[in-house]
Amino acid sequence: MSWPGITQRRVATNGIQLNIAEAGEGPLVLLLHGFPESWYSWRHQFAALQQAGYHVVAPDMRGYGKSDKPHEIEAYNQVEIVNDVIGLIPALGHTQAVVIGHDWGAPTAWACALHHPDRVRAVGALSVPFIPRSPVQPMPALREMFKGQFFYQLYFFDPGVAEAEFEADIRGALKKFMVLAGGETDLTSLPVKGPDDDMFSGLPDPQTLPGWLSEADLDFYAAEFTASGMRGPLNYYRNHDLTWELTKGAPDHIDQPAFFAAGSNDGVILMAAEAYQSMPTHVRDLRLNELIPGIGHWTQQEAPDAVNALMVKFLRGLDG
């Protein structure tokens, strides 16, 4: 597959190399993907941001795609991930960037702004609102909160278990994961799972793909994860406690210009309702805050026109 106007290369940062997709010239905008995705999840944003006058860069985050994949679980804590992103800024010839993230990329974007205000002049997030550092250790709290229930982050925690299930049928697993988290799915209709269940057994196999996800898109993702495996991406979930330990004393507010958007049917918004409501208290210059009707978790893929319009509006507000 080729993407007119988008080039790819590997760039050294923070002791590793990340594959990046890039287009355009001007102020730097970094787009950070989530799980289980790649730079490709931003494919609809390049043209709009390039035409608006920006240097648009979407890396494969560490552990993904053609980027380096350290083996150690601890290498995927958020301090290291943030250092990857911050290191990209001078490596790409810039002194500052606007950092925008989706899913796992959202807490990374927030953390970049929180810890590196000299490098991050503005921040945006899709799906995951800003959540200050917890006063309590995360994993024990999650285990208590979801005692007796299946919770995907607890299932992902033990090395090798989720990898085996995903990698037994990468395309089928990704199809279920992506379609069932989209806006077309009634999350209340999915079967209730117990704490000893796996991820995909018993979930309906979508017979057709929604309009935002083509067979070619699914083929691309499946090929990427067939080549790279799932260990790196799943390791992000295994570092909640280490990240918490490493960020003791972190500020609880962000002062840079910021925006947030999510789908009205996004399960993350349902889970993080309290954080979403309190976000303006902690994000002090939240200039745009939108719920996009009818879409689910894959914000920029399900509603590219709405997301592009919001991004361009936000960036023009920064740069006139």
Protein backbone atom coordinates (compact mmCIF):
# COMPACT_ATOMS: atom_id res chain seq x y z
CA MET A 1 0.00 0.00 0.00
CA SER A 2 1.16 3.55 -0.68
CA TRP A 3 -0.16 6.83 0.65
CA PRO A 4 0.34 9.85 -1.63
CA GLY A 5 2.19 12.66 0.12
CA ILE A 6 3.15 10.53 3.15
CA THR A 7 6.70 9.26 3.54
CA GLN A 8 8.17 6.94 6.15
CA ARG A 9 11.60 6.72 7.80
CA ARG A 10 13.18 5.64 11.06
CA VAL A 11 14.36 8.29 13.51
CA ALA A 12 16.65 7.86 16.54
CA THR A 13 15.21 9.01 19.87
CA ASN A 14 15.75 8.05 23.52
CA GLY A 15 18.15 5.23 22.67
CA ILE A 16 15.86 3.48 20.17
CA GLN A 17 14.55 4.10 16.66
CA LEU A 18 10.93 4.84 15.82
CA ASN A 19 9.38 4.48 12.40
CA ILE A 20 7.53 7.67 11.50
CA ALA A 21 5.04 8.63 8.81
CA GLU A 22 5.24 12.31 7.90
CA ALA A 23 3.96 14.96 5.55
CA GLY A 24 4.02 18.74 5.20
CA GLU A 25 6.12 21.62 6.42
CA GLY A 26 5.59 24.13 9.21
CA PRO A 27 5.11 23.85 12.98
CA LEU A 28 5.34 20.27 14.23
CA VAL A 29 2.25 18.25 15.13
CA LEU A 30 2.88 14.79 16.60
CA LEU A 31 0.07 12.23 16.40
CA LEU A 32 0.31 9.32 18.86
CA HIS A 33 -1.69 6.15 18.24
CA GLY A 34 -3.13 3.70 20.73
CA PHE A 35 -3.78 -0.04 21.12
CA PRO A 36 -3.82 -2.05 18.92
CA GLU A 37 -3.02 0.34 16.08
CA SER A 38 -0.14 2.06 14.26
CA TRP A 39 0.68 5.35 12.57
CA TYR A 40 -1.97 4.23 10.07
CA SER A 41 -4.79 5.06 12.48
CA TRP A 42 -4.07 8.72 11.57
CA ARG A 43 -4.20 8.16 7.79
CA HIS A 44 -7.19 10.49 7.38
CA GLN A 45 -5.54 13.40 9.21
CA PHE A 46 -2.37 13.94 7.17
CA ALA A 47 -3.86 15.82 4.22
CA ALA A 48 -5.99 18.16 6.34
CA LEU A 49 -3.14 19.11 8.67
CA GLN A 50 -0.61 19.38 5.87
CA GLN A 51 -2.92 21.71 3.95
CA ALA A 52 -3.36 23.79 7.11
CA GLY A 53 0.40 24.40 7.12
CA TYR A 54 1.85 21.85 9.54
CA HIS A 55 4.64 19.28 9.64
CA VAL A 56 2.59 16.20 10.56
CA VAL A 57 4.36 13.20 12.08
CA ALA A 58 2.75 9.98 13.32
CA PRO A 59 5.20 7.45 14.78
CA ASP A 60 4.74 3.78 15.25
CA MET A 61 5.08 3.86 19.04
CA ARG A 62 7.76 1.63 20.59
CA GLY A 63 6.79 -2.01 20.29
CA TYR A 64 4.69 -1.41 17.17
CA GLY A 65 5.11 -1.72 13.43
CA LYS A 66 8.58 -0.95 12.13
CA SER A 67 9.73 0.76 15.34
CA ASP A 68 12.13 -0.87 17.80
CA LYS A 69 10.66 -3.37 20.25
CA PRO A 70 12.63 -3.66 23.49
CA HIS A 71 12.01 -7.05 25.09
CA GLU A 72 11.86 -6.01 28.74
CA ILE A 73 8.38 -5.37 30.08
CA GLU A 74 9.65 -2.40 32.11
CA ALA A 75 10.82 -0.66 28.91
CA TYR A 76 7.17 0.22 28.20
CA ASN A 77 6.50 2.42 31.21
CA GLN A 78 5.07 5.83 30.37
CA VAL A 79 8.19 7.76 31.40
CA GLU A 80 10.14 5.97 28.67
CA ILE A 81 7.31 6.36 26.15
CA VAL A 82 7.13 10.09 26.89
CA ASN A 83 10.90 10.36 26.48
CA ASP A 84 10.57 8.74 23.04
CA VAL A 85 8.10 11.41 21.99
CA ILE A 86 9.97 14.35 23.49
CA GLY A 87 13.19 13.14 21.84
CA LEU A 88 11.49 13.16 18.45
CA ILE A 89 11.00 16.94 18.60
CA PRO A 90 14.66 17.98 18.23
CA ALA A 91 15.39 14.91 16.09
CA LEU A 92 12.86 16.29 13.58
CA GLY A 93 14.47 19.73 13.64
CA HIS A 94 12.00 21.50 15.93
CA THR A 95 12.15 23.05 19.38
CA GLN A 96 8.47 22.54 20.26
CA ALA A 97 5.46 20.55 19.13
CA VAL A 98 1.74 20.20 19.49
CA VAL A 99 1.21 16.63 20.75
CA ILE A 100 -2.09 14.86 20.08
CA GLY A 101 -2.89 11.30 21.16
CA HIS A 102 -5.64 8.71 20.93
CA ASP A 103 -6.29 5.77 23.30
CA TRP A 104 -2.87 4.95 24.90
CA GLY A 105 -1.49 7.87 22.93
CA ALA A 106 -3.78 10.21 24.89
CA PRO A 107 -2.26 9.66 28.36
CA THR A 108 1.14 9.87 26.68
CA ALA A 109 0.21 13.21 25.10
CA TRP A 110 -1.13 14.52 28.41
CA ALA A 111 2.06 13.38 30.17
CA CYS A 112 4.24 15.05 27.54
CA ALA A 113 2.46 18.34 28.24
CA LEU A 114 2.52 17.79 32.00
CA HIS A 115 6.22 16.99 32.33
CA HIS A 116 7.71 18.91 29.39
CA PRO A 117 5.93 22.26 29.09
CA ASP A 118 9.04 23.74 27.45
CA ARG A 119 8.73 21.29 24.55
CA VAL A 120 4.95 20.86 24.27
CA ARG A 121 3.24 24.12 23.40
CA ALA A 122 -0.26 22.64 23.16
CA VAL A 123 -1.90 19.25 23.62
CA GLY A 124 -4.89 17.33 22.35
CA ALA A 125 -6.44 14.00 23.24
CA LEU A 126 -9.06 11.68 21.78
CA SER A 127 -11.07 9.17 23.81
CA VAL A 128 -9.09 9.26 27.09
CA PRO A 129 -9.52 12.34 29.29
CA PHE A 130 -6.75 13.71 31.48
CA ILE A 131 -6.52 11.74 34.73
CA PRO A 132 -4.15 13.02 37.44
CA ARG A 133 -1.81 10.55 39.09
CA SER A 134 -3.78 8.30 41.41
CA PRO A 135 -3.24 8.66 45.16
CA VAL A 136 -3.28 4.85 45.38
CA GLN A 137 -1.32 2.16 43.54
CA PRO A 138 -3.21 1.36 40.32
CA MET A 139 -3.12 -2.44 39.94
CA PRO A 140 -4.36 -3.35 43.45
CA ALA A 141 -7.14 -0.81 42.96
CA LEU A 142 -8.12 -2.32 39.60
CA ARG A 143 -8.11 -5.84 41.03
CA GLU A 144 -10.39 -4.74 43.84
CA MET A 145 -12.66 -2.74 41.54
CA PHE A 146 -13.13 -5.66 39.12
CA LYS A 147 -13.08 -8.52 41.63
CA GLY A 148 -15.15 -11.39 40.26
CA GLN A 149 -15.41 -9.83 36.81
CA PHE A 150 -13.53 -9.96 33.53
CA PHE A 151 -11.59 -6.77 32.85
CA TYR A 152 -9.41 -6.64 29.78
CA GLN A 153 -6.54 -4.77 31.49
CA LEU A 154 -6.29 -7.45 34.17
CA TYR A 155 -6.40 -10.15 31.48
CA PHE A 156 -3.59 -8.41 29.61
CA PHE A 157 -1.37 -8.27 32.71
CA ASP A 158 0.16 -11.77 32.75
CA PRO A 159 2.87 -12.08 30.07
CA GLY A 160 2.13 -14.49 27.25
CA VAL A 161 -1.56 -15.09 27.92
CA ALA A 162 -3.17 -12.39 25.79
CA GLU A 163 -0.34 -12.65 23.25
CA ALA A 164 -1.24 -16.29 22.61
CA GLU A 165 -4.91 -15.54 22.11
CA PHE A 166 -4.34 -12.59 19.77
CA GLU A 167 -1.60 -14.28 17.77
CA ALA A 168 -3.59 -17.50 17.24
CA ASP A 169 -5.76 -15.51 14.82
CA ILE A 170 -4.46 -11.96 14.46
CA ARG A 171 -6.92 -10.85 11.80
CA GLY A 172 -9.93 -12.35 13.54
CA ALA A 173 -8.91 -10.92 16.92
CA LEU A 174 -8.34 -7.44 15.51
CA LYS A 175 -11.63 -7.59 13.63
CA LYS A 176 -13.56 -8.36 16.82
CA PHE A 177 -11.59 -5.88 18.93
CA MET A 178 -12.01 -2.98 16.53
CA VAL A 179 -15.56 -3.56 15.29
CA LEU A 180 -17.00 -4.33 18.72
CA ALA A 181 -15.49 -1.13 20.17
CA GLY A 182 -16.93 0.95 17.34
CA GLY A 183 -20.00 3.12 17.54
CA GLU A 184 -22.24 0.57 15.84
CA THR A 185 -21.99 -1.87 18.76
CA ASP A 186 -24.36 -1.80 21.71
CA LEU A 187 -21.87 -2.59 24.46
CA THR A 188 -24.67 -3.72 26.79
CA SER A 189 -25.51 -6.52 24.34
CA LEU A 190 -22.10 -8.20 24.61
CA PRO A 191 -21.87 -11.33 26.81
CA VAL A 192 -20.83 -10.86 30.42
CA LYS A 193 -17.53 -12.60 31.13
CA GLY A 194 -16.08 -13.93 34.36
CA PRO A 195 -12.60 -13.37 35.81
CA ASP A 196 -11.25 -16.63 34.33
CA ASP A 197 -12.53 -16.07 30.79
CA ASP A 198 -10.39 -15.14 27.82
CA MET A 199 -10.88 -12.09 25.61
CA PHE A 200 -12.57 -13.29 22.45
CA SER A 201 -14.39 -16.58 23.09
CA GLY A 202 -18.13 -16.05 22.97
CA LEU A 203 -17.92 -12.63 21.38
CA PRO A 204 -19.90 -12.30 18.15
CA ASP A 205 -17.89 -12.49 14.94
CA PRO A 206 -18.86 -9.42 12.89
CA GLN A 207 -20.22 -10.55 9.53
CA THR A 208 -19.61 -7.20 7.85
CA LEU A 209 -17.23 -4.34 8.45
CA PRO A 210 -18.47 -0.83 9.28
CA GLY A 211 -17.92 1.94 6.75
CA TRP A 212 -14.91 3.34 8.60
CA LEU A 213 -12.94 0.06 8.47
CA SER A 214 -12.31 -1.55 5.08
CA GLU A 215 -10.99 -5.02 4.33
CA ALA A 216 -7.77 -3.33 3.16
CA ASP A 217 -7.50 -1.45 6.47
CA LEU A 218 -7.93 -4.66 8.42
CA ASP A 219 -5.40 -6.40 6.17
CA PHE A 220 -2.87 -3.64 6.91
CA TYR A 221 -3.28 -3.94 10.67
CA ALA A 222 -3.17 -7.74 10.53
CA ALA A 223 0.04 -7.69 8.50
CA GLU A 224 1.67 -5.24 10.92
CA PHE A 225 0.89 -7.34 13.99
CA THR A 226 1.69 -10.62 12.26
CA ALA A 227 5.17 -9.21 11.66
CA SER A 228 5.68 -7.45 15.00
CA GLY A 229 3.74 -9.58 17.47
CA MET A 230 1.64 -8.39 20.39
CA ARG A 231 4.15 -8.44 23.28
CA GLY A 232 5.24 -4.80 22.98
CA PRO A 233 1.72 -3.38 22.68
CA LEU A 234 0.45 -5.46 25.61
CA ASN A 235 3.41 -4.42 27.74
CA TYR A 236 1.93 -0.92 27.99
CA TYR A 237 -0.77 -2.41 30.24
CA ARG A 238 1.81 -4.13 32.45
CA ASN A 239 3.43 -0.89 33.60
CA HIS A 240 0.67 0.89 35.50
CA ASP A 241 2.41 0.42 38.84
CA LEU A 242 5.91 1.24 37.59
CA THR A 243 4.71 4.41 35.89
CA TRP A 244 2.92 5.35 39.11
CA GLU A 245 6.10 4.83 41.11
CA LEU A 246 8.23 6.82 38.66
CA THR A 247 5.88 9.81 38.59
CA LYS A 248 5.60 10.49 42.30
CA GLY A 249 5.05 14.23 42.85
CA ALA A 250 3.69 14.83 39.35
CA PRO A 251 1.61 18.01 38.90
CA ASP A 252 -2.14 17.54 38.76
CA HIS A 253 -2.91 20.23 36.18
CA ILE A 254 -1.99 21.21 32.63
CA ASP A 255 -1.69 24.85 31.64
CA GLN A 256 -1.03 24.64 27.89
CA PRO A 257 -3.86 25.19 25.39
CA ALA A 258 -5.69 21.88 25.05
CA PHE A 259 -8.57 20.14 23.31
CA PHE A 260 -10.45 16.90 23.88
CA ALA A 261 -12.85 14.89 21.75
CA ALA A 262 -14.45 11.47 22.03
CA GLY A 263 -17.34 9.46 20.66
CA SER A 264 -20.63 9.56 22.52
CA ASN A 265 -20.70 5.73 22.33
CA ASP A 266 -17.09 5.23 23.46
CA GLY A 267 -16.85 2.70 26.29
CA VAL A 268 -13.85 4.57 27.70
CA ILE A 269 -16.01 7.65 28.26
CA LEU A 270 -18.50 5.48 30.13
CA MET A 271 -15.73 4.01 32.31
CA ALA A 272 -13.99 7.35 32.86
CA ALA A 273 -17.12 9.46 33.31
CA GLU A 274 -15.88 11.03 36.53
CA ALA A 275 -12.51 11.97 34.99
CA TYR A 276 -14.28 13.40 31.96
CA GLN A 277 -16.51 15.58 34.12
CA SER A 278 -13.63 16.85 36.24
CA MET A 279 -11.19 17.37 33.37
CA PRO A 280 -11.74 21.15 33.05
CA THR A 281 -10.61 21.51 36.67
CA HIS A 282 -7.23 20.01 35.81
CA VAL A 283 -6.84 21.12 32.19
CA ARG A 284 -6.97 24.85 32.76
CA ASP A 285 -6.98 26.05 29.16
CA LEU A 286 -9.35 23.49 27.62
CA ARG A 287 -10.40 25.35 24.49
CA LEU A 288 -12.45 22.65 22.77
CA ASN A 289 -14.26 19.75 24.42
CA GLU A 290 -16.58 17.74 22.19
CA LEU A 291 -18.47 14.47 22.22
CA ILE A 292 -19.07 13.35 18.63
CA PRO A 293 -22.52 11.75 18.33
CA GLY A 294 -22.89 8.12 17.34
CA ILE A 295 -19.27 7.04 17.19
CA GLY A 296 -17.33 4.71 19.42
CA HIS A 297 -13.72 4.34 20.50
CA TRP A 298 -11.83 4.78 17.21
CA THR A 299 -12.41 8.52 17.11
CA GLN A 300 -10.26 9.75 14.23
CA GLN A 301 -11.04 6.72 12.08
CA GLU A 302 -14.80 6.71 12.66
CA ALA A 303 -15.30 10.48 12.31
CA PRO A 304 -12.32 11.81 10.34
CA ASP A 305 -14.05 14.91 9.00
CA ALA A 306 -15.25 16.02 12.44
CA VAL A 307 -11.86 15.32 14.03
CA ASN A 308 -9.99 17.11 11.24
CA ALA A 309 -12.22 20.16 11.54
CA LEU A 310 -11.71 20.26 15.31
CA MET A 311 -7.93 19.88 15.00
CA VAL A 312 -7.60 22.59 12.37
CA LYS A 313 -9.81 24.94 14.39
CA PHE A 314 -7.66 24.35 17.47
CA LEU A 315 -4.38 24.82 15.60
CA ARG A 316 -5.59 28.00 13.90
CA GLY A 317 -6.52 29.34 17.30
CA LEU A 318 -2.89 28.84 18.33
CA ASP A 319 -1.25 30.21 15.21
CA GLY A 320 -3.76 32.70 13.83
